[in-house]
C-alpha atoms as a PDB file:
ATOM      1  CA  MET A   1     -56.747   0.498 -20.022  1.00  0.00           C
ATOM      2  CA  PHE A   2     -57.281   2.795 -17.343  1.00  0.00           C
ATOM      3  CA  SER A   3     -55.735   0.064 -14.752  1.00  0.00           C
ATOM      4  CA  ASN A   4     -52.752  -0.801 -16.702  1.00  0.00           C
ATOM      5  CA  THR A   5     -52.360   3.391 -17.416  1.00  0.00           C
ATOM      6  CA  ILE A   6     -52.570   3.225 -13.326  1.00  0.00           C
ATOM      7  CA  HIS A   7     -49.303   0.554 -13.432  1.00  0.00           C
ATOM      8  CA  HIS A   8     -47.321   1.850 -15.128  1.00  0.00           C
ATOM      9  CA  ARG A   9     -47.768   5.192 -13.316  1.00  0.00           C
ATOM     10  CA  LEU A  10     -46.818   3.371 -10.112  1.00  0.00           C
ATOM     11  CA  ILE A  11     -44.632   1.885 -11.594  1.00  0.00           C
ATOM     12  CA  SER A  12     -42.505   5.057 -12.834  1.00  0.00           C
ATOM     13  CA  ALA A  13     -43.189   6.413  -8.909  1.00  0.00           C
ATOM     14  CA  SER A  14     -42.012   3.538  -7.298  1.00  0.00           C
ATOM     15  CA  LEU A  15     -38.731   4.318  -9.859  1.00  0.00           C
ATOM     16  CA  ILE A  16     -38.243   7.521  -9.081  1.00  0.00           C
ATOM     17  CA  MET A  17     -38.842   7.095  -5.075  1.00  0.00           C
ATOM     18  CA  LEU A  18     -35.569   3.995  -5.847  1.00  0.00           C
ATOM     19  CA  SER A  19     -33.266   7.025  -7.479  1.00  0.00           C
ATOM     20  CA  ALA A  20     -34.161   9.622  -4.660  1.00  0.00           C
ATOM     21  CA  CYS A  21     -33.203   6.710  -1.878  1.00  0.00           C
ATOM     22  CA  HIS A  22     -30.353   6.049  -4.259  1.00  0.00           C
ATOM     23  CA  ALA A  23     -28.984   9.439  -4.599  1.00  0.00           C
ATOM     24  CA  ALA A  24     -29.264   9.965  -0.798  1.00  0.00           C
ATOM     25  CA  ALA A  25     -27.156   6.917  -0.651  1.00  0.00           C
ATOM     26  CA  CYS A  26     -24.404   8.388  -2.257  1.00  0.00           C
ATOM     27  CA  GLN A  27     -24.896  11.812  -0.894  1.00  0.00           C
ATOM     28  CA  SER A  28     -24.499   9.833   2.742  1.00  0.00           C
ATOM     29  CA  ALA A  29     -21.457   8.138   1.873  1.00  0.00           C
ATOM     30  CA  ALA A  30     -19.694  10.831  -0.041  1.00  0.00           C
ATOM     31  CA  LYS A  31     -20.179  13.115   3.813  1.00  0.00           C
ATOM     32  CA  GLN A  32     -18.896   9.877   5.933  1.00  0.00           C
ATOM     33  CA  GLY A  33     -15.722  10.583   3.656  1.00  0.00           C
ATOM     34  CA  ALA A  34     -15.776   7.458   1.488  1.00  0.00           C
ATOM     35  CA  PRO A  35     -14.186   8.285  -1.637  1.00  0.00           C
ATOM     36  CA  PRO A  36     -14.861   7.293  -4.837  1.00  0.00           C
ATOM     37  CA  PRO A  37     -14.452   3.618  -5.999  1.00  0.00           C
ATOM     38  CA  SER A  38     -12.550   4.814  -8.763  1.00  0.00           C
ATOM     39  CA  LYS A  39      -9.750   7.047  -6.227  1.00  0.00           C
ATOM     40  CA  LEU A  40      -9.036   3.166  -4.133  1.00  0.00           C
ATOM     41  CA  SER A  41      -8.513   1.504  -7.837  1.00  0.00           C
ATOM     42  CA  GLU A  42      -5.983   4.233  -9.100  1.00  0.00           C
ATOM     43  CA  ALA A  43      -4.341   4.335  -5.210  1.00  0.00           C
ATOM     44  CA  GLU A  44      -4.465   0.638  -5.415  1.00  0.00           C
ATOM     45  CA  THR A  45      -2.562   0.467  -8.723  1.00  0.00           C
ATOM     46  CA  VAL A  46      -0.332   3.478  -7.837  1.00  0.00           C
ATOM     47  CA  ALA A  47       0.788   1.120  -4.802  1.00  0.00           C
ATOM     48  CA  SER A  48       1.501  -2.110  -7.451  1.00  0.00           C
ATOM     49  CA  SER A  49       3.618   0.316  -9.195  1.00  0.00           C
ATOM     50  CA  LEU A  50       6.000   1.041  -6.055  1.00  0.00           C
ATOM     51  CA  TRP A  51       7.115  -2.452  -5.277  1.00  0.00           C
ATOM     52  CA  ARG A  52       7.226  -3.269  -8.418  1.00  0.00           C
ATOM     53  CA  THR A  53       9.759   0.158  -8.822  1.00  0.00           C
ATOM     54  CA  ILE A  54      11.832  -0.543  -5.217  1.00  0.00           C
ATOM     55  CA  SER A  55      11.805  -4.664  -5.267  1.00  0.00           C
ATOM     56  CA  THR A  56      13.110  -7.810  -7.107  1.00  0.00           C
ATOM     57  CA  THR A  57      11.103 -10.806  -7.268  1.00  0.00           C
ATOM     58  CA  CYS A  58      12.778 -14.020  -7.768  1.00  0.00           C
ATOM     59  CA  PRO A  59      11.596 -17.736  -8.155  1.00  0.00           C
ATOM     60  CA  VAL A  60      13.640 -20.062  -6.046  1.00  0.00           C
ATOM     61  CA  ALA A  61      15.342 -22.302  -7.232  1.00  0.00           C
ATOM     62  CA  GLY A  62      13.637 -26.381  -7.080  1.00  0.00           C
ATOM     63  CA  GLY A  63      10.703 -25.747  -6.002  1.00  0.00           C
ATOM     64  CA  THR A  64       7.346 -23.286  -6.004  1.00  0.00           C
ATOM     65  CA  SER A  65       8.109 -20.155  -4.170  1.00  0.00           C
ATOM     66  CA  THR A  66       9.817 -16.933  -5.047  1.00  0.00           C
ATOM     67  CA  SER A  67      11.763 -14.696  -2.985  1.00  0.00           C
ATOM     68  CA  THR A  68      11.939 -11.057  -3.065  1.00  0.00           C
ATOM     69  CA  PHE A  69      14.559  -9.114  -2.239  1.00  0.00           C
ATOM     70  CA  LEU A  70      14.303  -4.824  -1.090  1.00  0.00           C
ATOM     71  CA  ARG A  71      17.270  -2.958  -0.883  1.00  0.00           C
ATOM     72  CA  HIS A  72      17.750   0.209   1.640  1.00  0.00           C
ATOM     73  CA  ASP A  73      21.060   2.302   1.942  1.00  0.00           C
ATOM     74  CA  ASP A  74      22.940  -0.861   2.266  1.00  0.00           C
ATOM     75  CA  SER A  75      20.919  -2.979   4.401  1.00  0.00           C
ATOM     76  CA  LEU A  76      20.069  -6.045   2.169  1.00  0.00           C
ATOM     77  CA  VAL A  77      16.355  -7.532   2.870  1.00  0.00           C
ATOM     78  CA  GLU A  78      14.707 -11.256   1.284  1.00  0.00           C
ATOM     79  CA  PHE A  79      11.086 -11.848   1.903  1.00  0.00           C
ATOM     80  CA  ARG A  80       9.628 -15.477   0.764  1.00  0.00           C
ATOM     81  CA  ASP A  81       6.164 -15.264  -0.866  1.00  0.00           C
ATOM     82  CA  VAL A  82       5.510 -11.985   0.066  1.00  0.00           C
ATOM     83  CA  ARG A  83       1.694 -10.564   0.087  1.00  0.00           C
ATOM     84  CA  THR A  84       1.173  -6.392  -0.355  1.00  0.00           C
ATOM     85  CA  SER A  85      -2.228  -4.570   1.386  1.00  0.00           C
ATOM     86  CA  LEU A  86      -2.681  -1.271   1.057  1.00  0.00           C
ATOM     87  CA  PHE A  87      -4.762   0.584   3.639  1.00  0.00           C
ATOM     88  CA  GLN A  88      -7.029   3.715   3.337  1.00  0.00           C
ATOM     89  CA  TRP A  89      -7.079   6.169   5.573  1.00  0.00           C
ATOM     90  CA  HIS A  90      -9.851   8.845   6.430  1.00  0.00           C
ATOM     91  CA  VAL A  91      -9.184  11.855   4.260  1.00  0.00           C
ATOM     92  CA  THR A  92     -10.108  14.989   6.814  1.00  0.00           C
ATOM     93  CA  LYS A  93     -10.710  18.876   5.962  1.00  0.00           C
ATOM     94  CA  ALA A  94      -8.007  19.875   6.528  1.00  0.00           C
ATOM     95  CA  ASP A  95      -6.420  17.804   5.125  1.00  0.00           C
ATOM     96  CA  GLU A  96      -8.531  18.686   2.060  1.00  0.00           C
ATOM     97  CA  LEU A  97      -7.833  22.320   2.086  1.00  0.00           C
ATOM     98  CA  ASN A  98      -3.976  21.357   2.204  1.00  0.00           C
ATOM     99  CA  GLY A  99      -4.436  19.386  -1.593  1.00  0.00           C
ATOM    100  CA  THR A 100      -4.756  16.214  -0.452  1.00  0.00           C
ATOM    101  CA  GLN A 101      -7.092  13.386  -1.949  1.00  0.00           C
ATOM    102  CA  PHE A 102      -6.000  10.474  -0.712  1.00  0.00           C
ATOM    103  CA  LYS A 103      -3.866   9.080   1.984  1.00  0.00           C
ATOM    104  CA  GLY A 104      -3.576   5.421   3.070  1.00  0.00           C
ATOM    105  CA  LEU A 105      -0.642   2.468   3.901  1.00  0.00           C
ATOM    106  CA  ALA A 106       1.329   0.075   1.740  1.00  0.00           C
ATOM    107  CA  VAL A 107       2.933  -3.250   3.496  1.00  0.00           C
ATOM    108  CA  LEU A 108       4.244  -5.898   2.094  1.00  0.00           C
ATOM    109  CA  ARG A 109       4.876  -8.882   4.132  1.00  0.00           C
ATOM    110  CA  GLY A 110       6.626 -12.400   3.416  1.00  0.00           C
ATOM    111  CA  SER A 111       5.355 -16.022   5.362  1.00  0.00           C
ATOM    112  CA  VAL A 112       9.627 -15.213   6.407  1.00  0.00           C
ATOM    113  CA  TYR A 113      12.359 -12.888   6.231  1.00  0.00           C
ATOM    114  CA  ARG A 114      16.127 -12.527   6.268  1.00  0.00           C
ATOM    115  CA  TYR A 115      17.883  -9.302   5.774  1.00  0.00           C
ATOM    116  CA  ALA A 116      22.394  -8.746   5.093  1.00  0.00           C
ATOM    117  CA  GLY A 117      24.560  -5.471   5.859  1.00  0.00           C
ATOM    118  CA  SER A 118      27.307  -4.351   6.715  1.00  0.00           C
ATOM    119  CA  LEU A 119      27.358  -4.418   9.951  1.00  0.00           C
ATOM    120  CA  ILE A 120      26.448  -8.301  10.133  1.00  0.00           C
ATOM    121  CA  GLY A 121      28.391  -8.774   6.501  1.00  0.00           C
ATOM    122  CA  LYS A 122      26.432 -11.923   6.208  1.00  0.00           C
ATOM    123  CA  TRP A 123      22.960 -13.046   5.941  1.00  0.00           C
ATOM    124  CA  SER A 124      20.855 -13.705   9.408  1.00  0.00           C
ATOM    125  CA  SER A 125      18.913 -16.478   9.889  1.00  0.00           C
ATOM    126  CA  TRP A 126      15.222 -16.778   8.196  1.00  0.00           C
ATOM    127  CA  GLU A 127      12.359 -15.358  10.779  1.00  0.00           C
ATOM    128  CA  PRO A 128       9.068 -15.405  10.490  1.00  0.00           C
ATOM    129  CA  PRO A 129       7.469 -12.026  11.123  1.00  0.00           C
ATOM    130  CA  ARG A 130       5.455 -10.859  14.260  1.00  0.00           C
ATOM    131  CA  GLU A 131       1.695 -10.826  14.661  1.00  0.00           C
ATOM    132  CA  THR A 132       0.516  -7.796  13.455  1.00  0.00           C
ATOM    133  CA  ARG A 133      -3.370  -7.384  13.812  1.00  0.00           C
ATOM    134  CA  ASN A 134      -3.940  -5.667  10.777  1.00  0.00           C
ATOM    135  CA  ASN A 135      -6.256  -2.868  12.003  1.00  0.00           C
ATOM    136  CA  ILE A 136      -3.391  -1.290  13.850  1.00  0.00           C
ATOM    137  CA  PHE A 137      -2.755   0.025   9.925  1.00  0.00           C
ATOM    138  CA  ASP A 138      -6.807   0.919   9.579  1.00  0.00           C
ATOM    139  CA  SER A 139      -5.906   5.047  10.620  1.00  0.00           C
ATOM    140  CA  GLU A 140      -3.052   7.206  10.795  1.00  0.00           C
ATOM    141  CA  GLU A 141      -3.762   7.659  14.529  1.00  0.00           C
ATOM    142  CA  LEU A 142      -3.119   4.203  15.236  1.00  0.00           C
ATOM    143  CA  TYR A 143      -0.155   3.513  13.133  1.00  0.00           C
ATOM    144  CA  ARG A 144       1.001   6.941  14.722  1.00  0.00           C
ATOM    145  CA  GLU A 145       0.759   5.041  18.401  1.00  0.00           C
ATOM    146  CA  HIS A 146       2.284   1.608  17.388  1.00  0.00           C
ATOM    147  CA  GLY A 147       5.158   2.936  16.609  1.00  0.00           C
ATOM    148  CA  GLY A 148       4.646   3.715  13.209  1.00  0.00           C
ATOM    149  CA  TYR A 149       7.515   5.633  11.288  1.00  0.00           C
ATOM    150  CA  ARG A 150       9.880   3.649  13.035  1.00  0.00           C
ATOM    151  CA  PHE A 151       7.154   0.567  12.607  1.00  0.00           C
ATOM    152  CA  LYS A 152       9.513  -2.877  12.807  1.00  0.00           C
ATOM    153  CA  TRP A 153      12.166  -2.734   9.772  1.00  0.00           C
ATOM    154  CA  PRO A 154      12.992  -4.890   8.463  1.00  0.00           C
ATOM    155  CA  GLU A 155      10.398  -7.843   8.709  1.00  0.00           C
ATOM    156  CA  MET A 156       8.247  -5.705   6.953  1.00  0.00           C
ATOM    157  CA  TRP A 157       8.369  -2.556   5.165  1.00  0.00           C
ATOM    158  CA  VAL A 158       5.760   0.335   5.025  1.00  0.00           C
ATOM    159  CA  VAL A 159       5.309   2.802   3.114  1.00  0.00           C
ATOM    160  CA  VAL A 160       2.695   5.859   3.408  1.00  0.00           C
ATOM    161  CA  VAL A 161       1.185   6.534   0.272  1.00  0.00           C
ATOM    162  CA  GLU A 162      -0.895  10.091  -0.706  1.00  0.00           C
ATOM    163  CA  LYS A 163      -1.867  12.211  -3.193  1.00  0.00           C
ATOM    164  CA  ARG A 164      -1.510  15.350  -2.950  1.00  0.00           C
ATOM    165  CA  ASN A 165      -2.346  18.420  -5.564  1.00  0.00           C
ATOM    166  CA  ASP A 166      -2.414  15.431  -8.152  1.00  0.00           C
ATOM    167  CA  ARG A 167       1.137  14.137  -7.467  1.00  0.00           C
ATOM    168  CA  TRP A 168       1.684  11.023  -6.280  1.00  0.00           C
ATOM    169  CA  LEU A 169       3.931  10.967  -2.959  1.00  0.00           C
ATOM    170  CA  PHE A 170       5.286   8.402  -1.211  1.00  0.00           C
ATOM    171  CA  LYS A 171       7.102   8.848   2.894  1.00  0.00           C
ATOM    172  CA  PHE A 172       9.484   6.043   4.014  1.00  0.00           C
ATOM    173  CA  SER A 173       9.075   6.694   7.446  1.00  0.00           C
ATOM    174  CA  GLN A 174      10.177   3.671   9.001  1.00  0.00           C
ATOM    175  CA  PHE A 175      13.795   4.752   8.145  1.00  0.00           C
ATOM    176  CA  GLU A 176      16.524   6.667  10.501  1.00  0.00           C
ATOM    177  CA  THR A 177      16.337   8.963   7.738  1.00  0.00           C
ATOM    178  CA  PRO A 178      12.658   9.626   6.582  1.00  0.00           C
ATOM    179  CA  GLU A 179      12.424  10.213   2.714  1.00  0.00           C
ATOM    180  CA  THR A 180       8.927  11.696   0.140  1.00  0.00           C
ATOM    181  CA  LEU A 181       9.769  10.878  -2.976  1.00  0.00           C
ATOM    182  CA  ASP A 182       7.581  10.856  -6.042  1.00  0.00           C
ATOM    183  CA  GLN A 183       7.236   9.169  -8.497  1.00  0.00           C
ATOM    184  CA  THR A 184       9.553   9.886 -10.610  1.00  0.00           C
ATOM    185  CA  SER A 185      12.405  10.534  -8.175  1.00  0.00           C
ATOM    186  CA  LEU A 186      11.515   7.219  -7.032  1.00  0.00           C
ATOM    187  CA  ALA A 187      12.165   5.471 -10.019  1.00  0.00           C
ATOM    188  CA  ALA A 188      15.534   7.631 -10.410  1.00  0.00           C
ATOM    189  CA  ALA A 189      16.623   6.602  -6.727  1.00  0.00           C
ATOM    190  CA  ALA A 190      15.877   2.383  -6.804  1.00  0.00           C
ATOM    191  CA  THR A 191      18.685   0.278  -7.495  1.00  0.00           C
ATOM    192  CA  LYS A 192      18.328  -3.527  -8.232  1.00  0.00           C
ATOM    193  CA  LYS A 193      19.700  -6.465  -8.978  1.00  0.00           C
ATOM    194  CA  SER A 194      19.063  -9.305 -11.538  1.00  0.00           C
ATOM    195  CA  CYS A 195      18.053 -12.688  -9.921  1.00  0.00           C
ATOM    196  CA  ALA A 196      21.598 -13.872 -10.909  1.00  0.00           C
ATOM    197  CA  GLU A 197      23.132 -11.865  -8.719  1.00  0.00           C
ATOM    198  CA  LEU A 198      20.796 -11.771  -6.084  1.00  0.00           C
ATOM    199  CA  THR A 199      20.616 -15.214  -5.794  1.00  0.00           C
ATOM    200  CA  SER A 200      24.291 -16.172  -6.580  1.00  0.00           C
ATOM    201  CA  GLY A 201      24.839 -16.946  -2.899  1.00  0.00           C
ATOM    202  CA  ARG A 202      27.617 -13.930  -2.473  1.00  0.00           C
ATOM    203  CA  VAL A 203      26.184 -11.483   0.197  1.00  0.00           C
ATOM    204  CA  ASP A 204      26.446  -7.846  -1.591  1.00  0.00           C
ATOM    205  CA  ALA A 205      24.218  -4.781   0.117  1.00  0.00           C
ATOM    206  CA  ARG A 206      25.762  -2.341  -1.755  1.00  0.00           C
END
């Protein structure tokens, strides 16, 4: 009976120590600026919604591939077999004081791409995207250092995603005239065509 009591006390003490260690680890992660998983999860959902809002994905006739179309002004870009990524950026103390709760970069790329617009009047040749190391997108400083705000359009689309004062904002900074839109204005500005129009073989980027 006495030995069982000691055994139970030892187990309880061990559990308390483990809980304390877990709490300390959590506090350490928080001090290092690691956001709660829920914040990153929310950002991933918002980024997915962003691409659905501004792009149109269509099946490719006679195959298993898909084409994804995005428009900007009078230009139209077509990607095959797109993949999307979300890179999370560090939120500094100054960012926090300015109301920033999350900041990162949403990236859309394809296996190949082509584009059309008023300047060329027809589709360009299909081209593979140039290799880009993902670590270029890992921080805001690296992104800017590598030409960030005019980054490799049209072979990929990059959008700065930020949650500020509980509002999600999207900065399309790779274009000549940068725009920052919230979710409402993004939906209002999106002008998409149907797959029937986009895959008809006629080029109309308007």
